[in-house]
All heavy atoms as atom14 arrays in JSON, in Angstrom:
{
  "sequence": "WESVSYYKGEHSEPGAGSRLYREWLREKYGLATISSADAIVAKAQSKF",
  "atom14_mask": [
    [1, 1, 1, 1, 1, 1, 1, 1, 1, 1, 1, 1, 1, 1],
    [1, 1, 1, 1, 1, 1, 1, 1, 1, 0, 0, 0, 0, 0],
    [1, 1, 1, 1, 1, 1, 0, 0, 0, 0, 0, 0, 0, 0],
    [1, 1, 1, 1, 1, 1, 1, 0, 0, 0, 0, 0, 0, 0],
    [1, 1, 1, 1, 1, 1, 0, 0, 0, 0, 0, 0, 0, 0],
    [1, 1, 1, 1, 1, 1, 1, 1, 1, 1, 1, 1, 0, 0],
    [1, 1, 1, 1, 1, 1, 1, 1, 1, 1, 1, 1, 0, 0],
    [1, 1, 1, 1, 1, 1, 1, 1, 1, 0, 0, 0, 0, 0],
    [1, 1, 1, 1, 0, 0, 0, 0, 0, 0, 0, 0, 0, 0],
    [1, 1, 1, 1, 1, 1, 1, 1, 1, 0, 0, 0, 0, 0],
    [1, 1, 1, 1, 1, 1, 1, 1, 1, 1, 0, 0, 0, 0],
    [1, 1, 1, 1, 1, 1, 0, 0, 0, 0, 0, 0, 0, 0],
    [1, 1, 1, 1, 1, 1, 1, 1, 1, 0, 0, 0, 0, 0],
    [1, 1, 1, 1, 1, 1, 1, 0, 0, 0, 0, 0, 0, 0],
    [1, 1, 1, 1, 0, 0, 0, 0, 0, 0, 0, 0, 0, 0],
    [1, 1, 1, 1, 1, 0, 0, 0, 0, 0, 0, 0, 0, 0],
    [1, 1, 1, 1, 0, 0, 0, 0, 0, 0, 0, 0, 0, 0],
    [1, 1, 1, 1, 1, 1, 0, 0, 0, 0, 0, 0, 0, 0],
    [1, 1, 1, 1, 1, 1, 1, 1, 1, 1, 1, 0, 0, 0],
    [1, 1, 1, 1, 1, 1, 1, 1, 0, 0, 0, 0, 0, 0],
    [1, 1, 1, 1, 1, 1, 1, 1, 1, 1, 1, 1, 0, 0],
    [1, 1, 1, 1, 1, 1, 1, 1, 1, 1, 1, 0, 0, 0],
    [1, 1, 1, 1, 1, 1, 1, 1, 1, 0, 0, 0, 0, 0],
    [1, 1, 1, 1, 1, 1, 1, 1, 1, 1, 1, 1, 1, 1],
    [1, 1, 1, 1, 1, 1, 1, 1, 0, 0, 0, 0, 0, 0],
    [1, 1, 1, 1, 1, 1, 1, 1, 1, 1, 1, 0, 0, 0],
    [1, 1, 1, 1, 1, 1, 1, 1, 1, 0, 0, 0, 0, 0],
    [1, 1, 1, 1, 1, 1, 1, 1, 1, 0, 0, 0, 0, 0],
    [1, 1, 1, 1, 1, 1, 1, 1, 1, 1, 1, 1, 0, 0],
    [1, 1, 1, 1, 0, 0, 0, 0, 0, 0, 0, 0, 0, 0],
    [1, 1, 1, 1, 1, 1, 1, 1, 0, 0, 0, 0, 0, 0],
    [1, 1, 1, 1, 1, 0, 0, 0, 0, 0, 0, 0, 0, 0],
    [1, 1, 1, 1, 1, 1, 1, 0, 0, 0, 0, 0, 0, 0],
    [1, 1, 1, 1, 1, 1, 1, 1, 0, 0, 0, 0, 0, 0],
    [1, 1, 1, 1, 1, 1, 0, 0, 0, 0, 0, 0, 0, 0],
    [1, 1, 1, 1, 1, 1, 0, 0, 0, 0, 0, 0, 0, 0],
    [1, 1, 1, 1, 1, 0, 0, 0, 0, 0, 0, 0, 0, 0],
    [1, 1, 1, 1, 1, 1, 1, 1, 0, 0, 0, 0, 0, 0],
    [1, 1, 1, 1, 1, 0, 0, 0, 0, 0, 0, 0, 0, 0],
    [1, 1, 1, 1, 1, 1, 1, 1, 0, 0, 0, 0, 0, 0],
    [1, 1, 1, 1, 1, 1, 1, 0, 0, 0, 0, 0, 0, 0],
    [1, 1, 1, 1, 1, 0, 0, 0, 0, 0, 0, 0, 0, 0],
    [1, 1, 1, 1, 1, 1, 1, 1, 1, 0, 0, 0, 0, 0],
    [1, 1, 1, 1, 1, 0, 0, 0, 0, 0, 0, 0, 0, 0],
    [1, 1, 1, 1, 1, 1, 1, 1, 1, 0, 0, 0, 0, 0],
    [1, 1, 1, 1, 1, 1, 0, 0, 0, 0, 0, 0, 0, 0],
    [1, 1, 1, 1, 1, 1, 1, 1, 1, 0, 0, 0, 0, 0],
    [1, 1, 1, 1, 1, 1, 1, 1, 1, 1, 1, 0, 0, 0]
  ],
  "atom14_positions": [
    [[156.06, 82.09, 137.6], [156.44, 80.72, 137.26], [155.3, 79.97, 136.58], [155.54, 79.13, 135.71], [156.88, 79.96, 138.5], [158.23, 80.37, 138.97], [158.51, 81.24, 139.99], [159.49, 79.96, 138.44], [159.86, 81.39, 140.13], [160.5, 80.61, 139.19], [159.86, 79.12, 137.41], [161.84, 80.43, 138.93], [161.21, 78.94, 137.16], [162.19, 79.59, 137.91]],
    [[154.09, 80.25, 136.98], [152.93, 79.47, 136.52], [152.25, 80.01, 135.26], [151.67, 79.24, 134.5], [151.88, 79.37, 137.63], [152.41, 78.82, 138.94], [152.99, 77.43, 138.8], [152.42, 76.61, 138.08], [154.05, 77.18, 139.42], [0.0, 0.0, 0.0], [0.0, 0.0, 0.0], [0.0, 0.0, 0.0], [0.0, 0.0, 0.0], [0.0, 0.0, 0.0]],
    [[152.31, 81.32, 135.06], [151.52, 81.89, 133.97], [152.04, 83.24, 133.52], [152.91, 83.84, 134.14], [150.06, 82.04, 134.42], [149.97, 82.98, 135.46], [0.0, 0.0, 0.0], [0.0, 0.0, 0.0], [0.0, 0.0, 0.0], [0.0, 0.0, 0.0], [0.0, 0.0, 0.0], [0.0, 0.0, 0.0], [0.0, 0.0, 0.0], [0.0, 0.0, 0.0]],
    [[151.44, 83.7, 132.44], [151.68, 85.05, 131.93], [150.3, 85.64, 131.62], [149.41, 84.94, 131.17], [152.58, 85.05, 130.67], [152.0, 84.21, 129.56], [152.85, 86.47, 130.19], [0.0, 0.0, 0.0], [0.0, 0.0, 0.0], [0.0, 0.0, 0.0], [0.0, 0.0, 0.0], [0.0, 0.0, 0.0], [0.0, 0.0, 0.0], [0.0, 0.0, 0.0]],
    [[150.15, 86.93, 131.9], [148.88, 87.58, 131.58], [149.15, 89.04, 131.22], [150.18, 89.6, 131.57], [147.91, 87.48, 132.74], [148.42, 88.14, 133.88], [0.0, 0.0, 0.0], [0.0, 0.0, 0.0], [0.0, 0.0, 0.0], [0.0, 0.0, 0.0], [0.0, 0.0, 0.0], [0.0, 0.0, 0.0], [0.0, 0.0, 0.0], [0.0, 0.0, 0.0]],
    [[148.19, 89.6, 130.52], [148.25, 91.0, 130.13], [147.01, 91.67, 130.72], [145.9, 91.25, 130.46], [148.23, 91.16, 128.61], [149.48, 90.64, 127.95], [149.6, 89.3, 127.62], [150.53, 91.49, 127.66], [150.75, 88.81, 127.01], [151.68, 91.02, 127.05], [151.78, 89.67, 126.72], [152.9, 89.21, 126.13], [0.0, 0.0, 0.0], [0.0, 0.0, 0.0]],
    [[147.21, 92.71, 131.5], [146.09, 93.4, 132.12], [146.36, 94.9, 132.08], [147.46, 95.35, 132.37], [145.89, 92.95, 133.57], [144.87, 93.79, 134.29], [143.52, 93.61, 134.08], [145.28, 94.8, 135.16], [142.58, 94.39, 134.73], [144.34, 95.59, 135.82], [143.0, 95.38, 135.6], [142.08, 96.16, 136.22], [0.0, 0.0, 0.0], [0.0, 0.0, 0.0]],
    [[145.33, 95.63, 131.76], [145.4, 97.08, 131.82], [144.1, 97.56, 132.44], [143.01, 97.26, 131.93], [145.57, 97.67, 130.42], [145.83, 99.15, 130.45], [146.31, 99.64, 129.12], [146.73, 101.08, 129.25], [147.45, 101.54, 128.1], [0.0, 0.0, 0.0], [0.0, 0.0, 0.0], [0.0, 0.0, 0.0], [0.0, 0.0, 0.0], [0.0, 0.0, 0.0]],
    [[144.22, 98.25, 133.55], [143.04, 98.75, 134.24], [142.25, 99.73, 133.39], [142.79, 100.38, 132.5], [0.0, 0.0, 0.0], [0.0, 0.0, 0.0], [0.0, 0.0, 0.0], [0.0, 0.0, 0.0], [0.0, 0.0, 0.0], [0.0, 0.0, 0.0], [0.0, 0.0, 0.0], [0.0, 0.0, 0.0], [0.0, 0.0, 0.0], [0.0, 0.0, 0.0]],
    [[140.98, 99.83, 133.7], [140.11, 100.7, 132.91], [140.47, 102.17, 133.04], [140.11, 102.98, 132.19], [138.66, 100.48, 133.29], [138.34, 100.79, 134.74], [136.92, 100.44, 135.09], [136.55, 99.27, 134.97], [136.18, 101.36, 135.48], [0.0, 0.0, 0.0], [0.0, 0.0, 0.0], [0.0, 0.0, 0.0], [0.0, 0.0, 0.0], [0.0, 0.0, 0.0]],
    [[141.2, 102.54, 134.08], [141.59, 103.94, 134.27], [143.02, 104.22, 133.82], [143.53, 105.32, 134.02], [141.42, 104.34, 135.74], [140.0, 104.2, 136.2], [138.98, 104.98, 135.71], [139.44, 103.34, 137.08], [137.85, 104.62, 136.28], [138.1, 103.63, 137.12], [0.0, 0.0, 0.0], [0.0, 0.0, 0.0], [0.0, 0.0, 0.0], [0.0, 0.0, 0.0]],
    [[143.66, 103.24, 133.2], [145.03, 103.42, 132.71], [145.04, 104.37, 131.52], [144.19, 104.28, 130.64], [145.63, 102.08, 132.29], [145.69, 101.21, 133.37], [0.0, 0.0, 0.0], [0.0, 0.0, 0.0], [0.0, 0.0, 0.0], [0.0, 0.0, 0.0], [0.0, 0.0, 0.0], [0.0, 0.0, 0.0], [0.0, 0.0, 0.0], [0.0, 0.0, 0.0]],
    [[145.99, 105.24, 131.52], [146.16, 106.18, 130.42], [146.89, 105.5, 129.27], [147.85, 104.77, 129.49], [146.96, 107.4, 130.88], [146.26, 108.25, 131.93], [145.08, 108.99, 131.35], [145.15, 109.45, 130.19], [144.07, 109.11, 132.06], [0.0, 0.0, 0.0], [0.0, 0.0, 0.0], [0.0, 0.0, 0.0], [0.0, 0.0, 0.0], [0.0, 0.0, 0.0]],
    [[146.49, 105.74, 128.03], [147.22, 105.17, 126.89], [148.6, 105.81, 126.76], [148.79, 106.97, 127.11], [146.33, 105.49, 125.69], [145.43, 106.58, 126.13], [145.33, 106.51, 127.62], [0.0, 0.0, 0.0], [0.0, 0.0, 0.0], [0.0, 0.0, 0.0], [0.0, 0.0, 0.0], [0.0, 0.0, 0.0], [0.0, 0.0, 0.0], [0.0, 0.0, 0.0]],
    [[149.54, 105.03, 126.26], [150.88, 105.54, 126.02], [150.86, 106.63, 124.95], [149.91, 106.72, 124.15], [0.0, 0.0, 0.0], [0.0, 0.0, 0.0], [0.0, 0.0, 0.0], [0.0, 0.0, 0.0], [0.0, 0.0, 0.0], [0.0, 0.0, 0.0], [0.0, 0.0, 0.0], [0.0, 0.0, 0.0], [0.0, 0.0, 0.0], [0.0, 0.0, 0.0]],
    [[151.9, 107.43, 124.92], [151.96, 108.59, 124.02], [151.79, 108.2, 122.55], [151.11, 108.88, 121.8], [153.28, 109.33, 124.21], [0.0, 0.0, 0.0], [0.0, 0.0, 0.0], [0.0, 0.0, 0.0], [0.0, 0.0, 0.0], [0.0, 0.0, 0.0], [0.0, 0.0, 0.0], [0.0, 0.0, 0.0], [0.0, 0.0, 0.0], [0.0, 0.0, 0.0]],
    [[152.35, 107.09, 122.13], [152.27, 106.69, 120.72], [151.29, 105.58, 120.44], [151.27, 105.03, 119.34], [0.0, 0.0, 0.0], [0.0, 0.0, 0.0], [0.0, 0.0, 0.0], [0.0, 0.0, 0.0], [0.0, 0.0, 0.0], [0.0, 0.0, 0.0], [0.0, 0.0, 0.0], [0.0, 0.0, 0.0], [0.0, 0.0, 0.0], [0.0, 0.0, 0.0]],
    [[150.46, 105.24, 121.4], [149.55, 104.1, 121.27], [148.62, 104.23, 120.06], [148.48, 103.3, 119.26], [148.73, 103.93, 122.55], [147.87, 102.84, 122.44], [0.0, 0.0, 0.0], [0.0, 0.0, 0.0], [0.0, 0.0, 0.0], [0.0, 0.0, 0.0], [0.0, 0.0, 0.0], [0.0, 0.0, 0.0], [0.0, 0.0, 0.0], [0.0, 0.0, 0.0]],
    [[147.96, 105.34, 119.93], [147.03, 105.53, 118.81], [147.75, 105.46, 117.47], [147.3, 104.8, 116.53], [146.31, 106.87, 118.94], [145.28, 107.11, 117.82], [144.64, 108.48, 117.92], [145.58, 109.58, 117.9], [146.19, 110.05, 116.82], [145.95, 109.52, 115.65], [147.04, 111.07, 116.9], [0.0, 0.0, 0.0], [0.0, 0.0, 0.0], [0.0, 0.0, 0.0]],
    [[148.93, 106.1, 117.39], [149.7, 106.07, 116.15], [150.17, 104.66, 115.81], [150.15, 104.25, 114.65], [150.9, 107.01, 116.26], [150.57, 108.49, 116.32], [151.84, 109.31, 116.57], [149.89, 108.93, 115.04], [0.0, 0.0, 0.0], [0.0, 0.0, 0.0], [0.0, 0.0, 0.0], [0.0, 0.0, 0.0], [0.0, 0.0, 0.0], [0.0, 0.0, 0.0]],
    [[150.57, 103.91, 116.82], [151.0, 102.52, 116.6], [149.85, 101.68, 116.05], [150.01, 100.94, 115.08], [151.54, 101.9, 117.89], [151.81, 100.42, 117.73], [152.89, 99.98, 116.99], [150.95, 99.47, 118.29], [153.13, 98.64, 116.81], [151.18, 98.12, 118.12], [152.28, 97.71, 117.38], [152.5, 96.36, 117.18], [0.0, 0.0, 0.0], [0.0, 0.0, 0.0]],
    [[148.68, 101.81, 116.66], [147.52, 101.04, 116.21], [147.14, 101.38, 114.76], [146.82, 100.49, 113.97], [146.34, 101.29, 117.14], [146.55, 100.7, 118.51], [145.47, 101.12, 119.44], [145.69, 100.55, 120.77], [144.91, 100.74, 121.79], [143.83, 101.51, 121.67], [145.17, 100.19, 122.95], [0.0, 0.0, 0.0], [0.0, 0.0, 0.0], [0.0, 0.0, 0.0]],
    [[147.18, 102.65, 114.42], [146.89, 103.06, 113.05], [147.92, 102.5, 112.08], [147.58, 102.01, 111.01], [146.86, 104.59, 112.95], [145.67, 105.22, 113.62], [145.74, 106.74, 113.64], [146.7, 107.32, 113.05], [144.86, 107.36, 114.27], [0.0, 0.0, 0.0], [0.0, 0.0, 0.0], [0.0, 0.0, 0.0], [0.0, 0.0, 0.0], [0.0, 0.0, 0.0]],
    [[149.2, 102.58, 112.46], [150.28, 102.07, 111.62], [150.11, 100.57, 111.39], [150.24, 100.09, 110.26], [151.63, 102.36, 112.28], [152.78, 101.7, 111.6], [153.44, 102.13, 110.49], [153.4, 100.47, 112.0], [154.45, 101.24, 110.17], [154.43, 100.22, 111.08], [153.19, 99.56, 113.03], [155.24, 99.09, 111.15], [154.0, 98.45, 113.11], [155.01, 98.22, 112.19]],
    [[149.81, 99.82, 112.43], [149.66, 98.37, 112.34], [148.51, 98.0, 111.41], [148.61, 97.09, 110.6], [149.45, 97.78, 113.73], [149.52, 96.27, 113.84], [150.92, 95.77, 113.5], [149.13, 95.83, 115.26], [0.0, 0.0, 0.0], [0.0, 0.0, 0.0], [0.0, 0.0, 0.0], [0.0, 0.0, 0.0], [0.0, 0.0, 0.0], [0.0, 0.0, 0.0]],
    [[147.42, 98.73, 111.52], [146.26, 98.46, 110.66], [146.58, 98.81, 109.21], [146.3, 98.02, 108.3], [145.05, 99.26, 111.15], [143.77, 98.93, 110.37], [142.57, 99.74, 110.82], [142.76, 101.17, 110.59], [142.98, 102.08, 111.54], [142.99, 101.73, 112.8], [143.15, 103.34, 111.25], [0.0, 0.0, 0.0], [0.0, 0.0, 0.0], [0.0, 0.0, 0.0]],
    [[147.2, 99.96, 108.98], [147.5, 100.39, 107.61], [148.6, 99.57, 106.97], [148.5, 99.18, 105.8], [147.89, 101.87, 107.61], [146.74, 102.79, 107.94], [147.17, 104.23, 108.15], [148.34, 104.57, 107.87], [146.33, 105.02, 108.62], [0.0, 0.0, 0.0], [0.0, 0.0, 0.0], [0.0, 0.0, 0.0], [0.0, 0.0, 0.0], [0.0, 0.0, 0.0]],
    [[149.66, 99.28, 107.7], [150.82, 98.58, 107.15], [150.59, 97.08, 106.99], [150.99, 96.49, 105.99], [152.04, 98.84, 108.05], [153.31, 98.19, 107.63], [154.03, 98.96, 106.59], [155.39, 98.32, 106.33], [156.02, 98.87, 105.19], [0.0, 0.0, 0.0], [0.0, 0.0, 0.0], [0.0, 0.0, 0.0], [0.0, 0.0, 0.0], [0.0, 0.0, 0.0]],
    [[149.96, 96.45, 107.99], [149.84, 94.99, 108.0], [148.4, 94.48, 108.02], [148.17, 93.26, 108.01], [150.59, 94.41, 109.2], [152.07, 94.67, 109.11], [152.66, 95.65, 109.89], [152.87, 93.97, 108.22], [154.03, 95.91, 109.8], [154.23, 94.23, 108.11], [154.79, 95.19, 108.9], [156.13, 95.46, 108.79], [0.0, 0.0, 0.0], [0.0, 0.0, 0.0]],
    [[147.43, 95.37, 108.09], [146.04, 94.95, 108.12], [145.66, 94.22, 109.39], [144.73, 93.42, 109.4], [0.0, 0.0, 0.0], [0.0, 0.0, 0.0], [0.0, 0.0, 0.0], [0.0, 0.0, 0.0], [0.0, 0.0, 0.0], [0.0, 0.0, 0.0], [0.0, 0.0, 0.0], [0.0, 0.0, 0.0], [0.0, 0.0, 0.0], [0.0, 0.0, 0.0]],
    [[146.39, 94.49, 110.48], [146.13, 93.82, 111.75], [145.29, 94.71, 112.66], [145.56, 95.89, 112.81], [147.44, 93.46, 112.45], [148.31, 92.42, 111.73], [149.65, 92.26, 112.43], [147.59, 91.09, 111.62], [0.0, 0.0, 0.0], [0.0, 0.0, 0.0], [0.0, 0.0, 0.0], [0.0, 0.0, 0.0], [0.0, 0.0, 0.0], [0.0, 0.0, 0.0]],
    [[144.29, 94.09, 113.27], [143.37, 94.82, 114.12], [143.89, 94.95, 115.55], [144.68, 94.13, 116.02], [142.02, 94.11, 114.14], [0.0, 0.0, 0.0], [0.0, 0.0, 0.0], [0.0, 0.0, 0.0], [0.0, 0.0, 0.0], [0.0, 0.0, 0.0], [0.0, 0.0, 0.0], [0.0, 0.0, 0.0], [0.0, 0.0, 0.0], [0.0, 0.0, 0.0]],
    [[143.4, 95.96, 116.23], [143.63, 96.14, 117.66], [142.86, 95.05, 118.39], [141.77, 94.67, 117.98], [143.12, 97.52, 118.09], [143.88, 98.51, 117.4], [143.26, 97.73, 119.57], [0.0, 0.0, 0.0], [0.0, 0.0, 0.0], [0.0, 0.0, 0.0], [0.0, 0.0, 0.0], [0.0, 0.0, 0.0], [0.0, 0.0, 0.0], [0.0, 0.0, 0.0]],
    [[143.44, 94.55, 119.49], [142.74, 93.54, 120.28], [142.39, 94.12, 121.65], [143.01, 95.1, 122.09], [143.58, 92.26, 120.44], [144.91, 92.54, 121.15], [143.81, 91.6, 119.08], [145.71, 91.31, 121.51], [0.0, 0.0, 0.0], [0.0, 0.0, 0.0], [0.0, 0.0, 0.0], [0.0, 0.0, 0.0], [0.0, 0.0, 0.0], [0.0, 0.0, 0.0]],
    [[141.42, 93.53, 122.31], [141.04, 93.99, 123.64], [141.51, 93.02, 124.72], [141.46, 93.33, 125.9], [139.53, 94.19, 123.74], [138.87, 92.99, 123.44], [0.0, 0.0, 0.0], [0.0, 0.0, 0.0], [0.0, 0.0, 0.0], [0.0, 0.0, 0.0], [0.0, 0.0, 0.0], [0.0, 0.0, 0.0], [0.0, 0.0, 0.0], [0.0, 0.0, 0.0]],
    [[141.97, 91.84, 124.3], [142.47, 90.83, 125.23], [143.47, 89.95, 124.5], [143.25, 89.59, 123.33], [141.32, 89.98, 125.77], [141.82, 88.87, 126.48], [0.0, 0.0, 0.0], [0.0, 0.0, 0.0], [0.0, 0.0, 0.0], [0.0, 0.0, 0.0], [0.0, 0.0, 0.0], [0.0, 0.0, 0.0], [0.0, 0.0, 0.0], [0.0, 0.0, 0.0]],
    [[144.53, 89.55, 125.2], [145.53, 88.66, 124.61], [145.26, 87.2, 124.96], [145.96, 86.31, 124.49], [146.92, 89.05, 125.09], [0.0, 0.0, 0.0], [0.0, 0.0, 0.0], [0.0, 0.0, 0.0], [0.0, 0.0, 0.0], [0.0, 0.0, 0.0], [0.0, 0.0, 0.0], [0.0, 0.0, 0.0], [0.0, 0.0, 0.0], [0.0, 0.0, 0.0]],
    [[144.25, 86.94, 125.75], [144.01, 85.59, 126.26], [143.92, 84.53, 125.16], [144.53, 83.47, 125.26], [142.74, 85.55, 127.11], [142.87, 86.37, 128.38], [144.01, 86.77, 128.74], [141.83, 86.63, 129.02], [0.0, 0.0, 0.0], [0.0, 0.0, 0.0], [0.0, 0.0, 0.0], [0.0, 0.0, 0.0], [0.0, 0.0, 0.0], [0.0, 0.0, 0.0]],
    [[143.15, 84.79, 124.11], [142.98, 83.79, 123.05], [144.28, 83.56, 122.29], [144.63, 82.41, 121.99], [141.87, 84.22, 122.1], [0.0, 0.0, 0.0], [0.0, 0.0, 0.0], [0.0, 0.0, 0.0], [0.0, 0.0, 0.0], [0.0, 0.0, 0.0], [0.0, 0.0, 0.0], [0.0, 0.0, 0.0], [0.0, 0.0, 0.0], [0.0, 0.0, 0.0]],
    [[145.02, 84.62, 122.01], [146.3, 84.49, 121.29], [147.28, 83.68, 122.12], [147.92, 82.76, 121.62], [146.88, 85.88, 120.95], [146.02, 86.56, 119.89], [148.33, 85.78, 120.5], [146.41, 88.0, 119.6], [0.0, 0.0, 0.0], [0.0, 0.0, 0.0], [0.0, 0.0, 0.0], [0.0, 0.0, 0.0], [0.0, 0.0, 0.0], [0.0, 0.0, 0.0]],
    [[147.4, 84.02, 123.4], [148.33, 83.32, 124.29], [147.93, 81.86, 124.45], [148.78, 80.97, 124.33], [148.42, 84.03, 125.66], [149.25, 83.21, 126.64], [149.02, 85.42, 125.5], [0.0, 0.0, 0.0], [0.0, 0.0, 0.0], [0.0, 0.0, 0.0], [0.0, 0.0, 0.0], [0.0, 0.0, 0.0], [0.0, 0.0, 0.0], [0.0, 0.0, 0.0]],
    [[146.67, 81.59, 124.68], [146.2, 80.21, 124.88], [146.47, 79.34, 123.65], [146.95, 78.21, 123.77], [144.72, 80.19, 125.23], [0.0, 0.0, 0.0], [0.0, 0.0, 0.0], [0.0, 0.0, 0.0], [0.0, 0.0, 0.0], [0.0, 0.0, 0.0], [0.0, 0.0, 0.0], [0.0, 0.0, 0.0], [0.0, 0.0, 0.0], [0.0, 0.0, 0.0]],
    [[146.18, 79.88, 122.48], [146.4, 79.13, 121.24], [147.89, 78.85, 121.03], [148.29, 77.73, 120.7], [145.83, 79.91, 120.06], [145.87, 79.16, 118.75], [145.16, 79.92, 117.65], [146.0, 81.11, 117.26], [145.78, 81.66, 115.94], [0.0, 0.0, 0.0], [0.0, 0.0, 0.0], [0.0, 0.0, 0.0], [0.0, 0.0, 0.0], [0.0, 0.0, 0.0]],
    [[148.72, 79.86, 121.24], [150.17, 79.69, 121.07], [150.73, 78.7, 122.08], [151.57, 77.86, 121.75], [150.87, 81.04, 121.18], [0.0, 0.0, 0.0], [0.0, 0.0, 0.0], [0.0, 0.0, 0.0], [0.0, 0.0, 0.0], [0.0, 0.0, 0.0], [0.0, 0.0, 0.0], [0.0, 0.0, 0.0], [0.0, 0.0, 0.0], [0.0, 0.0, 0.0]],
    [[150.27, 78.79, 123.33], [150.77, 77.88, 124.35], [150.34, 76.44, 124.08], [151.11, 75.51, 124.32], [150.32, 78.33, 125.74], [151.07, 79.54, 126.2], [150.74, 79.94, 127.62], [149.79, 79.47, 128.23], [151.56, 80.85, 128.15], [0.0, 0.0, 0.0], [0.0, 0.0, 0.0], [0.0, 0.0, 0.0], [0.0, 0.0, 0.0], [0.0, 0.0, 0.0]],
    [[149.15, 76.26, 123.56], [148.71, 74.89, 123.28], [149.58, 74.25, 122.19], [149.77, 73.04, 122.19], [147.24, 74.86, 122.86], [147.06, 75.41, 121.58], [0.0, 0.0, 0.0], [0.0, 0.0, 0.0], [0.0, 0.0, 0.0], [0.0, 0.0, 0.0], [0.0, 0.0, 0.0], [0.0, 0.0, 0.0], [0.0, 0.0, 0.0], [0.0, 0.0, 0.0]],
    [[150.12, 75.05, 121.3], [150.99, 74.53, 120.24], [152.45, 74.4, 120.65], [153.12, 73.47, 120.22], [150.91, 75.46, 119.02], [149.67, 75.35, 118.22], [149.76, 76.31, 117.05], [149.07, 75.76, 115.85], [149.13, 76.67, 114.72], [0.0, 0.0, 0.0], [0.0, 0.0, 0.0], [0.0, 0.0, 0.0], [0.0, 0.0, 0.0], [0.0, 0.0, 0.0]],
    [[152.96, 75.35, 121.45], [154.41, 75.44, 121.65], [154.92, 75.37, 123.08], [156.12, 75.16, 123.28], [154.94, 76.73, 121.01], [154.67, 76.84, 119.55], [153.71, 77.73, 119.06], [155.37, 76.07, 118.63], [153.46, 77.84, 117.71], [155.13, 76.17, 117.28], [154.18, 77.06, 116.81], [0.0, 0.0, 0.0], [0.0, 0.0, 0.0], [0.0, 0.0, 0.0]]
  ]
}
């Protein structure tokens, strides 16, 4: 009710297509991989 967060433990295994997705995103849209969603979420929430 109060918040949303994204967390992945340091021992979590990457999904089967994770590497391919990241490469596709960078090649197709020029978007970088992120290590935290906090800044994106905070900025979007402050606006909307």
